[in-house]
Amino acid sequence: FKTLSSSETLMPGDILVRNGRHVVMFLYYADNQKSKIVVI
């Protein structure tokens, strides 16, 4: 995996991970401002 430089470039299937604690998969942005996201 590579670390992304910006959340503006998230694509479905990307992950958000907190070392040793938790990981979620990004599905899509939930608003036009890209401030809310849907994860699984």
Full PDB file with SEQRES, HELIX, SHEET, SSBOND, CRYST1, ORIGX, SCALE, CONECT and MASTER records, all heavy atoms in Angstrom:
SEQRES   1 A   40  PHE LYS THR LEU SER SER SER GLU THR LEU MET PRO GLY          
SEQRES   2 A   40  ASP ILE LEU VAL ARG ASN GLY ARG HIS VAL VAL MET PHE          
SEQRES   3 A   40  LEU TYR TYR ALA ASP ASN GLN LYS SER LYS ILE VAL VAL          
SEQRES   4 A   40  ILE                                                          
HELIX    1 AA1 SER A    7  THR A    9  5                                   3    
SHEET    1 AA1 3 ILE A  15  ARG A  18  0                                        
SHEET    2 AA1 3 HIS A  22  TYR A  29 -1                                        
SHEET    3 AA1 3 ILE A  37  VAL A  39 -1                                        
CRYST1    1.000    1.000    1.000  90.00  90.00  90.00 P 1           1          
ORIGX1      1.000000  0.000000  0.000000        0.00000                         
ORIGX2      0.000000  1.000000  0.000000        0.00000                         
ORIGX3      0.000000  0.000000  1.000000        0.00000                         
SCALE1      1.000000  0.000000  0.000000        0.00000                         
SCALE2      0.000000  1.000000  0.000000        0.00000                         
SCALE3      0.000000  0.000000  1.000000        0.00000                         
ATOM      1  N   PHE A   1       0.841  -1.193   0.000  1.00  0.00           N  
ATOM      2  CA  PHE A   1       0.000   0.000   0.000  1.00  0.00           C  
ATOM      3  C   PHE A   1       0.873   1.237   0.000  1.00  0.00           C  
ATOM      4  O   PHE A   1       1.977   1.234   0.528  1.00  0.00           O  
ATOM      5  CB  PHE A   1      -0.910   0.028   1.248  1.00  0.00           C  
ATOM      6  CG  PHE A   1      -1.989  -1.006   1.223  1.00  0.00           C  
ATOM      7  CD1 PHE A   1      -1.736  -2.301   1.620  1.00  0.00           C  
ATOM      8  CD2 PHE A   1      -3.267  -0.679   0.785  1.00  0.00           C  
ATOM      9  CE1 PHE A   1      -2.719  -3.268   1.584  1.00  0.00           C  
ATOM     10  CE2 PHE A   1      -4.261  -1.631   0.743  1.00  0.00           C  
ATOM     11  CZ  PHE A   1      -3.993  -2.933   1.149  1.00  0.00           C  
ATOM     12  N   LYS A   2       0.360   2.302  -0.615  1.00  0.00           N  
ATOM     13  CA  LYS A   2       1.053   3.591  -0.556  1.00  0.00           C  
ATOM     14  C   LYS A   2       0.177   4.576   0.199  1.00  0.00           C  
ATOM     15  O   LYS A   2      -1.056   4.484   0.187  1.00  0.00           O  
ATOM     16  CB  LYS A   2       1.345   4.107  -1.961  1.00  0.00           C  
ATOM     17  CG  LYS A   2       0.108   4.335  -2.820  1.00  0.00           C  
ATOM     18  CD  LYS A   2       0.486   4.746  -4.221  1.00  0.00           C  
ATOM     19  CE  LYS A   2      -0.750   4.825  -5.100  1.00  0.00           C  
ATOM     20  NZ  LYS A   2      -0.433   5.065  -6.489  1.00  0.00           N  
ATOM     21  N   THR A   3       0.814   5.502   0.882  1.00  0.00           N  
ATOM     22  CA  THR A   3       0.097   6.537   1.621  1.00  0.00           C  
ATOM     23  C   THR A   3      -0.247   7.664   0.672  1.00  0.00           C  
ATOM     24  O   THR A   3       0.607   8.118  -0.101  1.00  0.00           O  
ATOM     25  CB  THR A   3       0.951   7.054   2.796  1.00  0.00           C  
ATOM     26  OG1 THR A   3       1.234   5.946   3.668  1.00  0.00           O  
ATOM     27  CG2 THR A   3       0.223   8.123   3.575  1.00  0.00           C  
ATOM     28  N   LEU A   4      -1.489   8.114   0.712  1.00  0.00           N  
ATOM     29  CA  LEU A   4      -1.950   9.200  -0.149  1.00  0.00           C  
ATOM     30  C   LEU A   4      -1.615  10.542   0.484  1.00  0.00           C  
ATOM     31  O   LEU A   4      -1.621  10.685   1.708  1.00  0.00           O  
ATOM     32  CB  LEU A   4      -3.453   9.092  -0.378  1.00  0.00           C  
ATOM     33  CG  LEU A   4      -3.943   7.772  -0.978  1.00  0.00           C  
ATOM     34  CD1 LEU A   4      -5.464   7.749  -1.037  1.00  0.00           C  
ATOM     35  CD2 LEU A   4      -3.344   7.548  -2.346  1.00  0.00           C  
ATOM     36  N   SER A   5      -1.366  11.527  -0.341  1.00  0.00           N  
ATOM     37  CA  SER A   5      -1.013  12.844   0.176  1.00  0.00           C  
ATOM     38  C   SER A   5      -2.231  13.689   0.517  1.00  0.00           C  
ATOM     39  O   SER A   5      -2.119  14.669   1.237  1.00  0.00           O  
ATOM     40  CB  SER A   5      -0.144  13.591  -0.839  1.00  0.00           C  
ATOM     41  OG  SER A   5      -0.852  13.744  -2.048  1.00  0.00           O  
ATOM     42  N   SER A   6      -3.408  13.284   0.020  1.00  0.00           N  
ATOM     43  CA  SER A   6      -4.594  14.110   0.239  1.00  0.00           C  
ATOM     44  C   SER A   6      -5.858  13.263   0.273  1.00  0.00           C  
ATOM     45  O   SER A   6      -5.989  12.294  -0.477  1.00  0.00           O  
ATOM     46  CB  SER A   6      -4.715  15.135  -0.890  1.00  0.00           C  
ATOM     47  OG  SER A   6      -5.966  15.767  -0.870  1.00  0.00           O  
ATOM     48  N   SER A   7      -6.782  13.669   1.111  1.00  0.00           N  
ATOM     49  CA  SER A   7      -8.077  12.979   1.142  1.00  0.00           C  
ATOM     50  C   SER A   7      -8.933  13.353  -0.060  1.00  0.00           C  
ATOM     51  O   SER A   7      -9.943  12.717  -0.329  1.00  0.00           O  
ATOM     52  CB  SER A   7      -8.823  13.315   2.429  1.00  0.00           C  
ATOM     53  OG  SER A   7      -9.101  14.701   2.477  1.00  0.00           O  
ATOM     54  N   GLU A   8      -8.534  14.383  -0.783  1.00  0.00           N  
ATOM     55  CA  GLU A   8      -9.273  14.800  -1.987  1.00  0.00           C  
ATOM     56  C   GLU A   8      -9.184  13.762  -3.094  1.00  0.00           C  
ATOM     57  O   GLU A   8      -9.970  13.788  -4.031  1.00  0.00           O  
ATOM     58  CB  GLU A   8      -8.720  16.134  -2.504  1.00  0.00           C  
ATOM     59  CG  GLU A   8      -8.937  17.296  -1.566  1.00  0.00           C  
ATOM     60  CD  GLU A   8     -10.384  17.739  -1.521  1.00  0.00           C  
ATOM     61  OE1 GLU A   8     -11.031  17.805  -2.579  1.00  0.00           O  
ATOM     62  OE2 GLU A   8     -10.871  18.007  -0.413  1.00  0.00           O  
ATOM     63  N   THR A   9      -8.218  12.856  -2.999  1.00  0.00           N  
ATOM     64  CA  THR A   9      -8.014  11.878  -4.065  1.00  0.00           C  
ATOM     65  C   THR A   9      -8.519  10.486  -3.698  1.00  0.00           C  
ATOM     66  O   THR A   9      -8.221   9.532  -4.403  1.00  0.00           O  
ATOM     67  CB  THR A   9      -6.517  11.788  -4.422  1.00  0.00           C  
ATOM     68  OG1 THR A   9      -5.793  11.353  -3.267  1.00  0.00           O  
ATOM     69  CG2 THR A   9      -5.980  13.122  -4.903  1.00  0.00           C  
ATOM     70  N   LEU A  10      -9.262  10.361  -2.603  1.00  0.00           N  
ATOM     71  CA  LEU A  10      -9.780   9.052  -2.222  1.00  0.00           C  
ATOM     72  C   LEU A  10     -10.644   8.446  -3.323  1.00  0.00           C  
ATOM     73  O   LEU A  10     -11.445   9.150  -3.950  1.00  0.00           O  
ATOM     74  CB  LEU A  10     -10.599   9.152  -0.933  1.00  0.00           C  
ATOM     75  CG  LEU A  10      -9.827   9.367   0.363  1.00  0.00           C  
ATOM     76  CD1 LEU A  10     -10.792   9.693   1.503  1.00  0.00           C  
ATOM     77  CD2 LEU A  10      -8.997   8.149   0.699  1.00  0.00           C  
ATOM     78  N   MET A  11     -10.450   7.164  -3.560  1.00  0.00           N  
ATOM     79  CA  MET A  11     -11.248   6.412  -4.522  1.00  0.00           C  
ATOM     80  C   MET A  11     -11.887   5.228  -3.800  1.00  0.00           C  
ATOM     81  O   MET A  11     -11.352   4.759  -2.790  1.00  0.00           O  
ATOM     82  CB  MET A  11     -10.356   5.894  -5.661  1.00  0.00           C  
ATOM     83  CG  MET A  11      -9.737   6.983  -6.485  1.00  0.00           C  
ATOM     84  SD  MET A  11      -8.603   6.450  -7.827  1.00  0.00           S  
ATOM     85  CE  MET A  11      -8.771   4.729  -7.977  1.00  0.00           C  
ATOM     86  N   PRO A  12     -13.025   4.740  -4.304  1.00  0.00           N  
ATOM     87  CA  PRO A  12     -13.629   3.562  -3.680  1.00  0.00           C  
ATOM     88  C   PRO A  12     -12.600   2.435  -3.550  1.00  0.00           C  
ATOM     89  O   PRO A  12     -11.861   2.141  -4.492  1.00  0.00           O  
ATOM     90  CB  PRO A  12     -14.744   3.179  -4.649  1.00  0.00           C  
ATOM     91  CG  PRO A  12     -15.106   4.478  -5.304  1.00  0.00           C  
ATOM     92  CD  PRO A  12     -13.802   5.217  -5.447  1.00  0.00           C  
ATOM     93  N   GLY A  13     -12.532   1.858  -2.372  1.00  0.00           N  
ATOM     94  CA  GLY A  13     -11.560   0.797  -2.114  1.00  0.00           C  
ATOM     95  C   GLY A  13     -10.330   1.259  -1.370  1.00  0.00           C  
ATOM     96  O   GLY A  13      -9.575   0.441  -0.855  1.00  0.00           O  
ATOM     97  N   ASP A  14     -10.094   2.577  -1.317  1.00  0.00           N  
ATOM     98  CA  ASP A  14      -8.990   3.075  -0.503  1.00  0.00           C  
ATOM     99  C   ASP A  14      -9.317   2.829   0.962  1.00  0.00           C  
ATOM    100  O   ASP A  14     -10.472   2.611   1.329  1.00  0.00           O  
ATOM    101  CB  ASP A  14      -8.776   4.579  -0.733  1.00  0.00           C  
ATOM    102  CG  ASP A  14      -8.160   4.881  -2.090  1.00  0.00           C  
ATOM    103  OD1 ASP A  14      -7.601   3.970  -2.720  1.00  0.00           O  
ATOM    104  OD2 ASP A  14      -8.260   6.051  -2.521  1.00  0.00           O  
ATOM    105  N   ILE A  15      -8.294   2.864   1.800  1.00  0.00           N  
ATOM    106  CA  ILE A  15      -8.511   2.613   3.221  1.00  0.00           C  
ATOM    107  C   ILE A  15      -8.050   3.799   4.052  1.00  0.00           C  
ATOM    108  O   ILE A  15      -7.208   4.591   3.620  1.00  0.00           O  
ATOM    109  CB  ILE A  15      -7.789   1.330   3.693  1.00  0.00           C  
ATOM    110  CG1 ILE A  15      -6.278   1.428   3.462  1.00  0.00           C  
ATOM    111  CG2 ILE A  15      -8.381   0.104   3.033  1.00  0.00           C  
ATOM    112  CD1 ILE A  15      -5.485   0.291   4.064  1.00  0.00           C  
ATOM    113  N   LEU A  16      -8.631   3.917   5.214  1.00  0.00           N  
ATOM    114  CA  LEU A  16      -8.163   4.839   6.245  1.00  0.00           C  
ATOM    115  C   LEU A  16      -7.751   3.945   7.404  1.00  0.00           C  
ATOM    116  O   LEU A  16      -8.546   3.123   7.871  1.00  0.00           O  
ATOM    117  CB  LEU A  16      -9.269   5.802   6.669  1.00  0.00           C  
ATOM    118  CG  LEU A  16      -9.743   6.752   5.572  1.00  0.00           C  
ATOM    119  CD1 LEU A  16     -11.054   7.413   5.964  1.00  0.00           C  
ATOM    120  CD2 LEU A  16      -8.687   7.799   5.287  1.00  0.00           C  
ATOM    121  N   VAL A  17      -6.514   4.078   7.830  1.00  0.00           N  
ATOM    122  CA  VAL A  17      -5.989   3.154   8.835  1.00  0.00           C  
ATOM    123  C   VAL A  17      -5.300   3.903   9.965  1.00  0.00           C  
ATOM    124  O   VAL A  17      -4.582   4.870   9.740  1.00  0.00           O  
ATOM    125  CB  VAL A  17      -5.037   2.110   8.189  1.00  0.00           C  
ATOM    126  CG1 VAL A  17      -3.869   2.763   7.509  1.00  0.00           C  
ATOM    127  CG2 VAL A  17      -4.563   1.088   9.187  1.00  0.00           C  
ATOM    128  N   ARG A  18      -5.581   3.441  11.154  1.00  0.00           N  
ATOM    129  CA  ARG A  18      -4.932   3.946  12.362  1.00  0.00           C  
ATOM    130  C   ARG A  18      -4.060   2.810  12.887  1.00  0.00           C  
ATOM    131  O   ARG A  18      -4.568   1.728  13.198  1.00  0.00           O  
ATOM    132  CB  ARG A  18      -5.981   4.342  13.397  1.00  0.00           C  
ATOM    133  CG  ARG A  18      -5.408   4.957  14.632  1.00  0.00           C  
ATOM    134  CD  ARG A  18      -6.532   5.420  15.525  1.00  0.00           C  
ATOM    135  NE  ARG A  18      -6.025   5.916  16.776  1.00  0.00           N  
ATOM    136  CZ  ARG A  18      -6.775   6.221  17.815  1.00  0.00           C  
ATOM    137  NH1 ARG A  18      -8.088   6.075  17.729  1.00  0.00           N  
ATOM    138  NH2 ARG A  18      -6.238   6.671  18.915  1.00  0.00           N  
ATOM    139  N   ASN A  19      -2.777   3.036  12.952  1.00  0.00           N  
ATOM    140  CA  ASN A  19      -1.820   1.970  13.259  1.00  0.00           C  
ATOM    141  C   ASN A  19      -2.214   1.151  14.484  1.00  0.00           C  
ATOM    142  O   ASN A  19      -2.335   1.667  15.578  1.00  0.00           O  
ATOM    143  CB  ASN A  19      -0.432   2.564  13.466  1.00  0.00           C  
ATOM    144  CG  ASN A  19       0.635   1.498  13.578  1.00  0.00           C  
ATOM    145  OD1 ASN A  19       0.445   0.368  13.154  1.00  0.00           O  
ATOM    146  ND2 ASN A  19       1.759   1.851  14.153  1.00  0.00           N  
ATOM    147  N   GLY A  20      -2.383  -0.130  14.270  1.00  0.00           N  
ATOM    148  CA  GLY A  20      -2.648  -1.057  15.351  1.00  0.00           C  
ATOM    149  C   GLY A  20      -4.021  -0.967  15.977  1.00  0.00           C  
ATOM    150  O   GLY A  20      -4.305  -1.657  16.944  1.00  0.00           O  
ATOM    151  N   ARG A  21      -4.884  -0.117  15.445  1.00  0.00           N  
ATOM    152  CA  ARG A  21      -6.165   0.119  16.102  1.00  0.00           C  
ATOM    153  C   ARG A  21      -7.378  -0.202  15.239  1.00  0.00           C  
ATOM    154  O   ARG A  21      -8.298  -0.842  15.697  1.00  0.00           O  
ATOM    155  CB  ARG A  21      -6.258   1.583  16.547  1.00  0.00           C  
ATOM    156  CG  ARG A  21      -5.148   2.066  17.441  1.00  0.00           C  
ATOM    157  CD  ARG A  21      -5.334   1.673  18.872  1.00  0.00           C  
ATOM    158  NE  ARG A  21      -6.670   1.964  19.312  1.00  0.00           N  
ATOM    159  CZ  ARG A  21      -6.980   2.660  20.372  1.00  0.00           C  
ATOM    160  NH1 ARG A  21      -6.046   3.155  21.112  1.00  0.00           N  
ATOM    161  NH2 ARG A  21      -8.227   2.843  20.707  1.00  0.00           N  
ATOM    162  N   HIS A  22      -7.391   0.294  14.003  1.00  0.00           N  
ATOM    163  CA  HIS A  22      -8.631   0.219  13.238  1.00  0.00           C  
ATOM    164  C   HIS A  22      -8.336   0.510  11.770  1.00  0.00           C  
ATOM    165  O   HIS A  22      -7.407   1.242  11.449  1.00  0.00           O  
ATOM    166  CB  HIS A  22      -9.610   1.261  13.780  1.00  0.00           C  
ATOM    167  CG  HIS A  22     -11.011   1.085  13.301  1.00  0.00           C  
ATOM    168  ND1 HIS A  22     -11.804   2.141  12.943  1.00  0.00           N  
ATOM    169  CD2 HIS A  22     -11.783  -0.021  13.127  1.00  0.00           C  
ATOM    170  CE1 HIS A  22     -12.995   1.703  12.583  1.00  0.00           C  
ATOM    171  NE2 HIS A  22     -13.003   0.397  12.680  1.00  0.00           N  
ATOM    172  N   VAL A  23      -9.139  -0.065  10.903  1.00  0.00           N  
ATOM    173  CA  VAL A  23      -9.048   0.222   9.474  1.00  0.00           C  
ATOM    174  C   VAL A  23     -10.457   0.194   8.894  1.00  0.00           C  
ATOM    175  O   VAL A  23     -11.279  -0.636   9.279  1.00  0.00           O  
ATOM    176  CB  VAL A  23      -8.104  -0.764   8.739  1.00  0.00           C  
ATOM    177  CG1 VAL A  23      -8.591  -2.181   8.847  1.00  0.00           C  
ATOM    178  CG2 VAL A  23      -7.888  -0.367   7.296  1.00  0.00           C  
ATOM    179  N   VAL A  24     -10.749   1.151   8.015  1.00  0.00           N  
ATOM    180  CA  VAL A  24     -12.033   1.205   7.321  1.00  0.00           C  
ATOM    181  C   VAL A  24     -11.768   1.357   5.830  1.00  0.00           C  
ATOM    182  O   VAL A  24     -10.722   1.860   5.420  1.00  0.00           O  
ATOM    183  CB  VAL A  24     -12.931   2.372   7.819  1.00  0.00           C  
ATOM    184  CG1 VAL A  24     -13.225   2.230   9.303  1.00  0.00           C  
ATOM    185  CG2 VAL A  24     -12.321   3.725   7.515  1.00  0.00           C  
ATOM    186  N   MET A  25     -12.723   0.926   5.019  1.00  0.00           N  
ATOM    187  CA  MET A  25     -12.612   1.091   3.572  1.00  0.00           C  
ATOM    188  C   MET A  25     -13.532   2.222   3.127  1.00  0.00           C  
ATOM    189  O   MET A  25     -14.720   2.228   3.440  1.00  0.00           O  
ATOM    190  CB  MET A  25     -12.988  -0.193   2.829  1.00  0.00           C  
ATOM    191  CG  MET A  25     -12.861  -0.069   1.312  1.00  0.00           C  
ATOM    192  SD  MET A  25     -13.386  -1.554   0.432  1.00  0.00           S  
ATOM    193  CE  MET A  25     -11.987  -2.627   0.745  1.00  0.00           C  
ATOM    194  N   PHE A  26     -12.958   3.152   2.392  1.00  0.00           N  
ATOM    195  CA  PHE A  26     -13.706   4.273   1.823  1.00  0.00           C  
ATOM    196  C   PHE A  26     -14.575   3.761   0.683  1.00  0.00           C  
ATOM    197  O   PHE A  26     -14.114   3.012  -0.180  1.00  0.00           O  
ATOM    198  CB  PHE A  26     -12.717   5.330   1.303  1.00  0.00           C  
ATOM    199  CG  PHE A  26     -13.357   6.428   0.514  1.00  0.00           C  
ATOM    200  CD1 PHE A  26     -13.975   7.488   1.158  1.00  0.00           C  
ATOM    201  CD2 PHE A  26     -13.336   6.411  -0.862  1.00  0.00           C  
ATOM    202  CE1 PHE A  26     -14.562   8.513   0.428  1.00  0.00           C  
ATOM    203  CE2 PHE A  26     -13.919   7.431  -1.596  1.00  0.00           C  
ATOM    204  CZ  PHE A  26     -14.535   8.483  -0.947  1.00  0.00           C  
ATOM    205  N   LEU A  27     -15.848   4.186   0.676  1.00  0.00           N  
ATOM    206  CA  LEU A  27     -16.741   3.833  -0.420  1.00  0.00           C  
ATOM    207  C   LEU A  27     -17.022   5.027  -1.319  1.00  0.00           C  
ATOM    208  O   LEU A  27     -16.875   4.943  -2.530  1.00  0.00           O  
ATOM    209  CB  LEU A  27     -18.048   3.243   0.113  1.00  0.00           C  
ATOM    210  CG  LEU A  27     -17.916   1.928   0.880  1.00  0.00           C  
ATOM    211  CD1 LEU A  27     -19.269   1.475   1.404  1.00  0.00           C  
ATOM    212  CD2 LEU A  27     -17.280   0.854   0.003  1.00  0.00           C  
ATOM    213  N   TYR A  28     -17.450   6.154  -0.704  1.00  0.00           N  
ATOM    214  CA  TYR A  28     -17.704   7.350  -1.501  1.00  0.00           C  
ATOM    215  C   TYR A  28     -17.915   8.555  -0.586  1.00  0.00           C  
ATOM    216  O   TYR A  28     -18.125   8.408   0.609  1.00  0.00           O  
ATOM    217  CB  TYR A  28     -18.891   7.188  -2.453  1.00  0.00           C  
ATOM    218  CG  TYR A  28     -20.190   6.780  -1.793  1.00  0.00           C  
ATOM    219  CD1 TYR A  28     -21.097   7.727  -1.315  1.00  0.00           C  
ATOM    220  CD2 TYR A  28     -20.536   5.437  -1.676  1.00  0.00           C  
ATOM    221  CE1 TYR A  28     -22.295   7.354  -0.719  1.00  0.00           C  
ATOM    222  CE2 TYR A  28     -21.731   5.049  -1.082  1.00  0.00           C  
ATOM    223  CZ  TYR A  28     -22.605   6.008  -0.611  1.00  0.00           C  
ATOM    224  OH  TYR A  28     -23.779   5.637  -0.025  1.00  0.00           O  
ATOM    225  N   TYR A  29     -17.842   9.740  -1.188  1.00  0.00           N  
ATOM    226  CA  TYR A  29     -18.129  10.978  -0.456  1.00  0.00           C  
ATOM    227  C   TYR A  29     -19.644  11.114  -0.309  1.00  0.00           C  
ATOM    228  O   TYR A  29     -20.391  10.823  -1.238  1.00  0.00           O  
ATOM    229  CB  TYR A  29     -17.569  12.196  -1.197  1.00  0.00           C  
ATOM    230  CG  TYR A  29     -16.063  12.195  -1.282  1.00  0.00           C  
ATOM    231  CD1 TYR A  29     -15.412  11.838  -2.452  1.00  0.00           C  
ATOM    232  CD2 TYR A  29     -15.287  12.554  -0.190  1.00  0.00           C  
ATOM    233  CE1 TYR A  29     -14.031  11.832  -2.534  1.00  0.00           C  
ATOM    234  CE2 TYR A  29     -13.908  12.547  -0.255  1.00  0.00           C  
ATOM    235  CZ  TYR A  29     -13.287  12.186  -1.431  1.00  0.00           C  
ATOM    236  OH  TYR A  29     -11.908  12.176  -1.506  1.00  0.00           O  
ATOM    237  N   ALA A  30     -20.081  11.608   0.836  1.00  0.00           N  
ATOM    238  CA  ALA A  30     -21.510  11.728   1.101  1.00  0.00           C  
ATOM    239  C   ALA A  30     -22.016  13.153   0.933  1.00  0.00           C  
ATOM    240  O   ALA A  30     -23.210  13.405   1.105  1.00  0.00           O  
ATOM    241  CB  ALA A  30     -21.827  11.236   2.512  1.00  0.00           C  
ATOM    242  N   ASP A  31     -21.125  14.086   0.600  1.00  0.00           N  
ATOM    243  CA  ASP A  31     -21.544  15.464   0.357  1.00  0.00           C  
ATOM    244  C   ASP A  31     -20.621  16.105  -0.684  1.00  0.00           C  
ATOM    245  O   ASP A  31     -19.534  15.596  -0.969  1.00  0.00           O  
ATOM    246  CB  ASP A  31     -21.583  16.293   1.650  1.00  0.00           C  
ATOM    247  CG  ASP A  31     -20.226  16.455   2.312  1.00  0.00           C  
ATOM    248  OD1 ASP A  31     -19.224  15.887   1.826  1.00  0.00           O  
ATOM    249  OD2 ASP A  31     -20.157  17.160   3.330  1.00  0.00           O  
ATOM    250  N   ASN A  32     -21.066  17.188  -1.273  1.00  0.00           N  
ATOM    251  CA  ASN A  32     -20.286  17.872  -2.313  1.00  0.00           C  
ATOM    252  C   ASN A  32     -19.000  18.491  -1.790  1.00  0.00           C  
ATOM    253  O   ASN A  32     -18.051  18.690  -2.545  1.00  0.00           O  
ATOM    254  CB  ASN A  32     -21.129  18.954  -2.995  1.00  0.00           C  
ATOM    255  CG  ASN A  32     -22.226  18.362  -3.848  1.00  0.00           C  
ATOM    256  OD1 ASN A  32     -22.110  17.243  -4.343  1.00  0.00           O  
ATOM    257  ND2 ASN A  32     -23.307  19.102  -4.022  1.00  0.00           N  
ATOM    258  N   GLN A  33     -18.944  18.796  -0.515  1.00  0.00           N  
ATOM    259  CA  GLN A  33     -17.753  19.410   0.082  1.00  0.00           C  
ATOM    260  C   GLN A  33     -16.656  18.374   0.383  1.00  0.00           C  
ATOM    261  O   GLN A  33     -15.557  18.741   0.776  1.00  0.00           O  
ATOM    262  CB  GLN A  33     -18.118  20.141   1.384  1.00  0.00           C  
ATOM    263  CG  GLN A  33     -19.064  21.301   1.203  1.00  0.00           C  
ATOM    264  CD  GLN A  33     -20.517  20.849   1.011  1.00  0.00           C  
ATOM    265  OE1 GLN A  33     -20.916  19.772   1.435  1.00  0.00           O  
ATOM    266  NE2 GLN A  33     -21.299  21.678   0.342  1.00  0.00           N  
ATOM    267  N   LYS A  34     -16.965  17.110   0.208  1.00  0.00           N  
ATOM    268  CA  LYS A  34     -16.051  16.004   0.516  1.00  0.00           C  
ATOM    269  C   LYS A  34     -15.626  16.022   1.983  1.00  0.00           C  
ATOM    270  O   LYS A  34     -14.498  15.682   2.323  1.00  0.00           O  
ATOM    271  CB  LYS A  34     -14.830  16.025  -0.405  1.00  0.00           C  
ATOM    272  CG  LYS A  34     -15.164  15.798  -1.858  1.00  0.00           C  
ATOM    273  CD  LYS A  34     -13.928  15.695  -2.704  1.00  0.00           C  
ATOM    274  CE  LYS A  34     -14.295  15.353  -4.137  1.00  0.00           C  
ATOM    275  NZ  LYS A  34     -13.121  15.219  -4.987  1.00  0.00           N  
ATOM    276  N   SER A  35     -16.546  16.412   2.850  1.00  0.00           N  
ATOM    277  CA  SER A  35     -16.250  16.432   4.279  1.00  0.00           C  
ATOM    278  C   SER A  35     -16.874  15.238   5.007  1.00  0.00           C  
ATOM    279  O   SER A  35     -16.475  14.921   6.116  1.00  0.00           O  
ATOM    280  CB  SER A  35     -16.747  17.732   4.912  1.00  0.00           C  
ATOM    281  OG  SER A  35     -18.152  17.820   4.825  1.00  0.00           O  
ATOM    282  N   LYS A  36     -17.828  14.583   4.371  1.00  0.00           N  
ATOM    283  CA  LYS A  36     -18.466  13.398   4.943  1.00  0.00           C  
ATOM    284  C   LYS A  36     -18.247  12.241   3.982  1.00  0.00           C  
ATOM    285  O   LYS A  36     -18.312  12.402   2.763  1.00  0.00           O  
ATOM    286  CB  LYS A  36     -19.954  13.634   5.155  1.00  0.00           C  
ATOM    287  CG  LYS A  36     -20.244  14.784   6.095  1.00  0.00           C  
ATOM    288  CD  LYS A  36     -21.397  14.448   6.987  1.00  0.00           C  
ATOM    289  CE  LYS A  36     -21.709  15.599   7.915  1.00  0.00           C  
ATOM    290  NZ  LYS A  36     -20.913  15.595   9.104  1.00  0.00           N  
ATOM    291  N   ILE A  37     -17.979  11.086   4.564  1.00  0.00           N  
ATOM    292  CA  ILE A  37     -17.692   9.916   3.734  1.00  0.00           C  
ATOM    293  C   ILE A  37     -18.509   8.719   4.204  1.00  0.00           C  
ATOM    294  O   ILE A  37     -18.936   8.646   5.344  1.00  0.00           O  
ATOM    295  CB  ILE A  37     -16.189   9.559   3.757  1.00  0.00           C  
ATOM    296  CG1 ILE A  37     -15.714   9.242   5.179  1.00  0.00           C  
ATOM    297  CG2 ILE A  37     -15.363  10.675   3.139  1.00  0.00           C  
ATOM    298  CD1 ILE A  37     -14.287   8.723   5.278  1.00  0.00           C  
ATOM    299  N   VAL A  38     -18.706   7.781   3.284  1.00  0.00           N  
ATOM    300  CA  VAL A  38     -19.330   6.504   3.608  1.00  0.00           C  
ATOM    301  C   VAL A  38     -18.206   5.469   3.617  1.00  0.00           C  
ATOM    302  O   VAL A  38     -17.415   5.397   2.674  1.00  0.00           O  
ATOM    303  CB  VAL A  38     -20.415   6.126   2.585  1.00  0.00           C  
ATOM    304  CG1 VAL A  38     -20.997   4.748   2.886  1.00  0.00           C  
ATOM    305  CG2 VAL A  38     -21.511   7.184   2.561  1.00  0.00           C  
ATOM    306  N   VAL A  39     -18.140   4.702   4.710  1.00  0.00           N  
ATOM    307  CA  VAL A  39     -17.129   3.665   4.838  1.00  0.00           C  
ATOM    308  C   VAL A  39     -17.803   2.339   5.167  1.00  0.00           C  
ATOM    309  O   VAL A  39     -18.943   2.306   5.627  1.00  0.00           O  
ATOM    310  CB  VAL A  39     -16.090   3.993   5.936  1.00  0.00           C  
ATOM    311  CG1 VAL A  39     -15.349   5.277   5.619  1.00  0.00           C  
ATOM    312  CG2 VAL A  39     -16.720   4.047   7.311  1.00  0.00           C  
ATOM    313  N   ILE A  40     -17.080   1.272   4.918  1.00  0.00           N  
ATOM    314  CA  ILE A  40     -17.493  -0.055   5.361  1.00  0.00           C  
ATOM    315  C   ILE A  40     -16.410  -0.539   6.313  1.00  0.00           C  
ATOM    316  O   ILE A  40     -15.224  -0.297   6.097  1.00  0.00           O  
ATOM    317  CB  ILE A  40     -17.709  -1.023   4.180  1.00  0.00           C  
ATOM    318  CG1 ILE A  40     -18.337  -2.330   4.660  1.00  0.00           C  
ATOM    319  CG2 ILE A  40     -16.444  -1.242   3.378  1.00  0.00           C  
ATOM    320  CD1 ILE A  40     -18.866  -3.219   3.549  1.00  0.00           C  
TER     321      ILE A  40                                                      
MASTER        0    0    0    1    3    0    0    6  320    1    0    4          
END                                                                             
